[in-house]
Protein backbone atom coordinates (compact mmCIF):
# COMPACT_ATOMS: atom_id res chain seq x y z
CA UNK A 1 26.34 11.90 18.82
CA UNK A 2 22.85 11.03 17.56
CA UNK A 3 22.34 11.68 13.85
CA UNK A 4 19.07 11.55 11.93
CA UNK A 5 18.95 10.65 8.26
CA UNK A 6 17.33 13.00 5.80
CA UNK A 7 14.62 11.59 3.55
CA UNK A 8 17.11 11.56 0.67
CA UNK A 9 19.72 9.64 2.70
CA UNK A 10 17.11 7.19 3.92
CA UNK A 11 15.82 6.64 0.39
CA UNK A 12 19.33 5.67 -0.69
CA UNK A 13 19.60 2.97 2.00
CA UNK A 14 15.99 1.68 2.20
CA UNK A 15 13.95 0.06 -0.55
CA UNK A 16 10.32 -0.89 -0.93
CA UNK A 17 10.03 -4.55 0.03
CA UNK A 18 7.89 -6.89 -2.06
CA UNK A 19 5.33 -9.31 -0.62
CA UNK A 20 2.89 -11.73 -2.18
CA UNK A 21 -0.74 -11.23 -1.13
CA UNK A 22 -0.51 -14.16 1.29
CA UNK A 23 2.77 -12.85 2.80
CA UNK A 24 1.13 -9.44 3.29
CA UNK A 25 -1.84 -11.07 5.05
CA UNK A 26 0.54 -13.02 7.31
CA UNK A 27 2.48 -9.83 8.15
CA UNK A 28 -0.77 -8.11 9.13
CA UNK A 29 -1.77 -11.09 11.27
CA UNK A 30 1.64 -11.09 13.05
CA UNK A 31 1.85 -7.33 13.40
CA UNK A 32 -1.59 -5.77 14.02
CA UNK A 33 -0.08 -2.27 13.78
CA UNK A 34 0.54 -2.83 10.08
CA UNK A 35 -1.42 -0.38 7.93
CA UNK A 36 -2.76 -1.61 4.58
CA UNK A 37 -3.28 1.28 2.16
CA UNK A 38 -5.16 0.79 -1.09
CA UNK A 39 -3.78 3.30 -3.60
CA UNK A 40 -6.24 2.60 -6.44
CA UNK A 41 -8.77 5.13 -7.71
CA UNK A 42 -11.97 5.77 -5.78
CA UNK A 43 -13.97 3.91 -8.44
CA UNK A 44 -11.75 0.83 -8.18
CA UNK A 45 -11.83 0.88 -4.38
CA UNK A 46 -15.63 1.19 -4.22
CA UNK A 47 -16.83 -0.88 -7.15
CA UNK A 48 -14.18 -3.55 -7.75
CA UNK A 49 -13.70 -4.21 -4.05
CA UNK A 50 -10.84 -3.84 -1.60
CA UNK A 51 -9.09 -5.81 1.14
CA UNK A 52 -11.02 -5.77 4.41
CA UNK A 53 -9.51 -3.25 6.79
CA UNK A 54 -7.64 -1.33 4.11
CA UNK A 55 -7.49 2.46 4.15
CA UNK A 56 -8.05 4.26 0.85
CA UNK A 57 -5.48 6.88 -0.16
CA UNK A 58 -5.53 7.21 -3.96
CA UNK A 59 -2.24 7.54 -5.84
CA UNK A 60 -3.99 8.63 -9.06
CA UNK A 61 -7.69 9.52 -9.18
CA UNK A 62 -10.47 11.15 -11.20
CA UNK A 63 -11.17 13.63 -12.59
CA UNK A 64 -7.66 14.56 -13.74
CA UNK A 65 -5.98 11.15 -13.45
CA UNK A 66 -2.75 12.73 -12.26
CA UNK A 67 -0.58 11.71 -9.33
CA UNK A 68 -2.08 12.84 -6.04
CA UNK A 69 0.15 15.76 -4.91
CA UNK A 70 -1.00 15.20 -1.30
CA UNK A 71 -0.35 11.44 -1.21
CA UNK A 72 2.49 11.54 1.34
CA UNK A 73 0.62 14.00 3.57
CA UNK A 74 -2.53 11.85 3.46
CA UNK A 75 -0.57 8.72 4.39
CA UNK A 76 1.06 10.62 7.27
CA UNK A 77 -2.40 11.64 8.49
CA UNK A 78 -3.46 7.99 8.50
CA UNK A 79 -0.36 7.09 10.51
CA UNK A 80 -0.69 10.00 12.94
CA UNK A 81 -4.40 9.39 13.35
CA UNK A 82 -3.54 6.49 15.58
CA UNK A 83 -3.88 3.62 13.14
CA UNK A 84 -0.17 3.42 12.50
CA UNK A 85 1.27 4.48 15.82
CA UNK A 86 2.17 2.09 18.59
CA UNK A 87 2.24 2.80 22.28
CA UNK A 88 5.99 3.26 22.14
CA UNK A 89 5.67 5.51 19.09
CA UNK A 90 7.44 4.82 15.85
CA UNK A 91 5.97 4.06 12.49
CA UNK A 92 4.09 0.87 11.81
CA UNK A 93 4.77 -1.11 8.66
CA UNK A 94 2.96 0.33 5.62
CA UNK A 95 1.68 -2.17 3.06
CA UNK A 96 0.51 -0.78 -0.28
CA UNK A 97 -1.82 -2.43 -2.77
CA UNK A 98 -3.15 -1.43 -6.19
CA UNK A 99 -4.64 -3.46 -9.05
CA UNK A 100 -1.51 -5.36 -10.07
CA UNK A 101 1.41 -4.00 -8.02
CA UNK A 102 2.73 -1.26 -10.29
CA UNK A 103 1.14 1.94 -8.91
CA UNK A 104 1.69 0.77 -5.34
CA UNK A 105 5.41 0.27 -6.06
CA UNK A 106 5.72 3.84 -7.35
CA UNK A 107 3.77 5.13 -4.33
CA UNK A 108 6.06 3.16 -2.02
CA UNK A 109 9.16 4.68 -3.58
CA UNK A 110 7.77 8.14 -2.85
CA UNK A 111 7.05 7.21 0.78
CA UNK A 112 10.64 5.93 1.20
CA UNK A 113 11.97 9.14 -0.36
CA UNK A 114 9.93 11.08 2.22
CA UNK A 115 11.27 9.27 5.27
CA UNK A 116 9.09 6.17 5.71
CA UNK A 117 11.30 3.25 6.64
CA UNK A 118 9.17 0.10 6.48
CA UNK A 119 7.19 0.07 3.25
CA UNK A 120 5.92 -3.02 1.44
CA UNK A 121 4.34 -3.49 -1.98
CA UNK A 122 1.94 -6.35 -2.72
CA UNK A 123 3.41 -7.64 -5.97
CA UNK A 124 0.24 -9.15 -7.45
CA UNK A 125 -2.03 -6.35 -6.28
CA UNK A 126 -5.75 -6.84 -5.71
CA UNK A 127 -6.61 -8.30 -9.13
CA UNK A 128 -3.30 -9.54 -10.54
CA UNK A 129 -2.12 -9.44 -14.13
CA UNK A 130 -4.23 -10.10 -17.20
CA UNK A 131 -4.56 -13.73 -18.29
CA UNK A 132 -4.47 -14.89 -21.94
CA UNK A 133 -8.16 -13.89 -22.30
CA UNK A 134 -7.49 -10.42 -20.83
CA UNK A 135 -9.26 -11.20 -17.54
CA UNK A 136 -7.98 -10.31 -14.10
CA UNK A 137 -8.25 -12.22 -10.80
CA UNK A 138 -7.68 -15.55 -12.58
CA UNK A 139 -3.93 -15.99 -12.09
CA UNK A 140 -3.03 -13.84 -9.09
CA UNK A 141 -3.98 -11.05 -6.74
CA UNK A 142 -5.54 -10.62 -3.30
CA UNK A 143 -8.97 -11.90 -4.42
CA UNK A 144 -7.52 -14.83 -6.37
CA UNK A 145 -5.82 -16.08 -3.19
CA UNK A 146 -9.11 -15.99 -1.28
CA UNK A 147 -8.03 -13.34 1.21
CA UNK A 148 -10.70 -11.23 2.97
CA UNK A 149 -12.18 -8.46 0.84
CA UNK A 150 -15.35 -6.44 0.60
CA UNK A 151 -17.22 -4.35 -1.92
CA UNK A 152 -19.35 -1.25 -1.36
């Protein structure tokens, strides 16, 4: 008998996997169906820059700076829009990025809870952690590693 897991059951058995920026880039090179979602605010995405080819679905955004109540639905739309679906069907890997890896981890946990099965978090994010002078992009992150990015 075929049995499908509920989102709650799946969440108990699946975890968000962690990748370095370079490992995420390599996954995307190996598996072109991989969808890279930037969960930062609209201002960060537009003015700080973002990985080339990433899709913007904010986790928290202006003007209220509260968690996006439609985040899961918006990610599903991205996946169903053809970007994340293969010819044989099935979900593509979802890779999430934020500034330093914290918001994207929380967003990934919510996706797992809602039935996504292959979710990755980029641990260093786009800009990495602050250095001793309170600067970003000097010790880690997508940009620090010289991976492709663009700015609007």
